[in-house]
C-alpha atoms as a PDB file:
ATOM      1  CA  MET A   1       3.444  39.879   3.562  1.00  0.00           C
ATOM      2  CA  THR A   2       1.755  37.374   5.835  1.00  0.00           C
ATOM      3  CA  THR A   3      -1.937  36.608   5.688  1.00  0.00           C
ATOM      4  CA  LEU A   4      -3.636  35.513   8.891  1.00  0.00           C
ATOM      5  CA  VAL A   5      -6.282  32.863   8.363  1.00  0.00           C
ATOM      6  CA  ARG A   6      -8.561  31.862  11.225  1.00  0.00           C
ATOM      7  CA  VAL A   7     -10.181  28.462  11.031  1.00  0.00           C
ATOM      8  CA  GLY A   8     -12.685  27.140  13.552  1.00  0.00           C
ATOM      9  CA  ILE A   9     -13.439  23.457  13.861  1.00  0.00           C
ATOM     10  CA  ILE A  10     -16.063  21.982  16.110  1.00  0.00           C
ATOM     11  CA  SER A  11     -15.644  18.235  16.068  1.00  0.00           C
ATOM     12  CA  ASN A  12     -17.944  15.678  17.627  1.00  0.00           C
ATOM     13  CA  MET A  13     -20.197  18.435  18.917  1.00  0.00           C
ATOM     14  CA  LYS A  14     -23.891  18.026  18.309  1.00  0.00           C
ATOM     15  CA  ALA A  15     -25.711  21.346  18.589  1.00  0.00           C
ATOM     16  CA  SER A  16     -29.492  21.299  18.986  1.00  0.00           C
ATOM     17  CA  LEU A  17     -31.463  24.077  17.357  1.00  0.00           C
ATOM     18  CA  ILE A  18     -33.768  25.649  19.944  1.00  0.00           C
ATOM     19  CA  ALA A  19     -35.179  28.555  17.954  1.00  0.00           C
ATOM     20  CA  ARG A  20     -34.907  30.134  14.532  1.00  0.00           C
ATOM     21  CA  THR A  21     -37.301  32.908  13.653  1.00  0.00           C
ATOM     22  CA  ARG A  22     -37.564  36.011  11.532  1.00  0.00           C
ATOM     23  CA  ILE A  23     -39.699  38.932  12.675  1.00  0.00           C
ATOM     24  CA  VAL A  24     -40.676  41.463  10.018  1.00  0.00           C
ATOM     25  CA  TYR A  25     -41.063  44.948  11.493  1.00  0.00           C
ATOM     26  CA  SER A  26     -41.632  46.833   8.248  1.00  0.00           C
ATOM     27  CA  THR A  27     -40.812  46.709   4.554  1.00  0.00           C
ATOM     28  CA  HIS A  28     -37.273  47.860   5.402  1.00  0.00           C
ATOM     29  CA  ALA A  29     -36.591  46.199   8.790  1.00  0.00           C
ATOM     30  CA  PHE A  30     -36.531  42.682  10.230  1.00  0.00           C
ATOM     31  CA  ALA A  31     -34.948  40.725  13.065  1.00  0.00           C
ATOM     32  CA  GLU A  32     -33.556  37.214  12.889  1.00  0.00           C
ATOM     33  CA  LEU A  33     -33.036  35.166  16.044  1.00  0.00           C
ATOM     34  CA  VAL A  34     -31.155  31.860  16.077  1.00  0.00           C
ATOM     35  CA  LEU A  35     -30.360  29.913  19.253  1.00  0.00           C
ATOM     36  CA  TRP A  36     -28.668  26.521  19.655  1.00  0.00           C
ATOM     37  CA  ARG A  37     -27.887  24.439  22.742  1.00  0.00           C
ATOM     38  CA  VAL A  38     -24.330  23.088  22.618  1.00  0.00           C
ATOM     39  CA  PRO A  39     -22.953  20.208  24.704  1.00  0.00           C
ATOM     40  CA  SER A  40     -20.223  22.377  26.222  1.00  0.00           C
ATOM     41  CA  PRO A  41     -19.594  26.139  26.358  1.00  0.00           C
ATOM     42  CA  LEU A  42     -17.883  27.776  23.396  1.00  0.00           C
ATOM     43  CA  ALA A  43     -14.447  29.243  24.059  1.00  0.00           C
ATOM     44  CA  GLY A  44     -15.067  32.655  25.631  1.00  0.00           C
ATOM     45  CA  SER A  45     -18.555  31.788  26.947  1.00  0.00           C
ATOM     46  CA  ALA A  46     -19.616  30.144  30.210  1.00  0.00           C
ATOM     47  CA  HIS A  47     -23.014  28.742  29.167  1.00  0.00           C
ATOM     48  CA  GLU A  48     -24.456  26.054  26.907  1.00  0.00           C
ATOM     49  CA  PHE A  49     -25.813  28.305  24.158  1.00  0.00           C
ATOM     50  CA  LYS A  50     -24.630  29.493  20.746  1.00  0.00           C
ATOM     51  CA  TYR A  51     -26.683  32.401  19.436  1.00  0.00           C
ATOM     52  CA  ARG A  52     -27.044  35.080  16.792  1.00  0.00           C
ATOM     53  CA  LEU A  53     -29.675  37.809  17.052  1.00  0.00           C
ATOM     54  CA  ALA A  54     -29.606  40.448  14.326  1.00  0.00           C
ATOM     55  CA  TYR A  55     -31.724  43.500  13.544  1.00  0.00           C
ATOM     56  CA  VAL A  56     -31.403  44.590   9.913  1.00  0.00           C
ATOM     57  CA  VAL A  57     -32.579  47.943   8.562  1.00  0.00           C
ATOM     58  CA  ASP A  58     -32.287  48.836   4.885  1.00  0.00           C
ATOM     59  CA  SER A  59     -30.063  45.756   4.328  1.00  0.00           C
ATOM     60  CA  VAL A  60     -27.616  46.799   7.085  1.00  0.00           C
ATOM     61  CA  CYS A  61     -27.235  44.918  10.359  1.00  0.00           C
ATOM     62  CA  VAL A  62     -27.543  47.684  12.964  1.00  0.00           C
ATOM     63  CA  VAL A  63     -27.948  45.617  16.165  1.00  0.00           C
ATOM     64  CA  ARG A  64     -26.460  42.175  16.747  1.00  0.00           C
ATOM     65  CA  TYR A  65     -25.866  39.918  19.726  1.00  0.00           C
ATOM     66  CA  ASP A  66     -23.679  36.849  19.242  1.00  0.00           C
ATOM     67  CA  ASN A  67     -20.993  34.679  20.791  1.00  0.00           C
ATOM     68  CA  GLU A  68     -18.239  33.758  18.380  1.00  0.00           C
ATOM     69  CA  VAL A  69     -15.822  31.023  19.353  1.00  0.00           C
ATOM     70  CA  GLY A  70     -12.926  32.662  21.200  1.00  0.00           C
ATOM     71  CA  LYS A  71     -14.577  36.076  21.271  1.00  0.00           C
ATOM     72  CA  GLY A  72     -17.327  35.266  23.746  1.00  0.00           C
ATOM     73  CA  ASP A  73     -20.610  37.036  24.350  1.00  0.00           C
ATOM     74  CA  HIS A  74     -20.838  40.485  22.821  1.00  0.00           C
ATOM     75  CA  ARG A  75     -23.189  42.956  21.172  1.00  0.00           C
ATOM     76  CA  HIS A  76     -22.966  45.339  18.260  1.00  0.00           C
ATOM     77  CA  PHE A  77     -24.956  48.565  18.269  1.00  0.00           C
ATOM     78  CA  GLY A  78     -24.332  50.558  15.127  1.00  0.00           C
ATOM     79  CA  ALA A  79     -20.566  50.769  14.699  1.00  0.00           C
ATOM     80  CA  SER A  80     -19.717  49.990  18.345  1.00  0.00           C
ATOM     81  CA  GLU A  81     -19.028  46.574  19.836  1.00  0.00           C
ATOM     82  CA  THR A  82     -19.131  45.832  23.562  1.00  0.00           C
ATOM     83  CA  SER A  83     -19.000  42.724  25.715  1.00  0.00           C
ATOM     84  CA  TYR A  84     -22.314  41.288  26.867  1.00  0.00           C
ATOM     85  CA  LYS A  85     -22.989  39.488  30.151  1.00  0.00           C
ATOM     86  CA  PHE A  86     -25.190  36.513  29.257  1.00  0.00           C
ATOM     87  CA  SER A  87     -27.499  35.303  32.037  1.00  0.00           C
ATOM     88  CA  THR A  88     -30.497  33.556  30.412  1.00  0.00           C
ATOM     89  CA  SER A  89     -31.903  33.179  26.910  1.00  0.00           C
ATOM     90  CA  GLU A  90     -35.012  35.119  28.017  1.00  0.00           C
ATOM     91  CA  ARG A  91     -32.868  38.034  29.234  1.00  0.00           C
ATOM     92  CA  LEU A  92     -30.889  37.907  25.974  1.00  0.00           C
ATOM     93  CA  VAL A  93     -34.058  38.349  23.904  1.00  0.00           C
ATOM     94  CA  ALA A  94     -35.347  41.102  26.221  1.00  0.00           C
ATOM     95  CA  ASP A  95     -32.043  43.010  25.953  1.00  0.00           C
ATOM     96  CA  PHE A  96     -32.071  42.599  22.167  1.00  0.00           C
ATOM     97  CA  GLN A  97     -35.633  43.922  21.924  1.00  0.00           C
ATOM     98  CA  LYS A  98     -34.676  46.863  24.152  1.00  0.00           C
ATOM     99  CA  ASP A  99     -31.793  47.706  21.793  1.00  0.00           C
ATOM    100  CA  ILE A 100     -34.090  47.463  18.748  1.00  0.00           C
ATOM    101  CA  LYS A 101     -36.427  49.979  20.378  1.00  0.00           C
ATOM    102  CA  ARG A 102     -33.472  52.215  21.258  1.00  0.00           C
ATOM    103  CA  TRP A 103     -32.141  52.022  17.679  1.00  0.00           C
ATOM    104  CA  ASN A 104     -35.550  52.898  16.259  1.00  0.00           C
ATOM    105  CA  ASP A 105     -36.013  55.785  18.710  1.00  0.00           C
ATOM    106  CA  GLU A 106     -32.554  57.211  17.958  1.00  0.00           C
ATOM    107  CA  ASN A 107     -32.785  56.707  14.190  1.00  0.00           C
ATOM    108  CA  SER A 108     -36.448  57.513  13.484  1.00  0.00           C
ATOM    109  CA  HIS A 109     -37.292  53.989  12.270  1.00  0.00           C
ATOM    110  CA  SER A 110     -40.437  52.229  13.359  1.00  0.00           C
END
């Protein structure tokens, strides 16, 4: 049996934190947004940002936008994962907020 181990190394790259915030929506729901500027695009992305935006309800991440090295820009909505076309950090946050509203509307959370 062979075990696949994935290791990512970013050497000599200085990332600058642009934003890190947590927004509490209720006693059972919060969002966390983290955005860095990187000196060169991550593998799979064509822009200078590394990001993770997560909406957590009852200790479960139900909406997430991120760009893993090699995987590129993508979003998770419930159990599904789809690619995401990044244009600007402002559009990213707007799309994330739209998905939070959609999740809440479809799942009776507010």
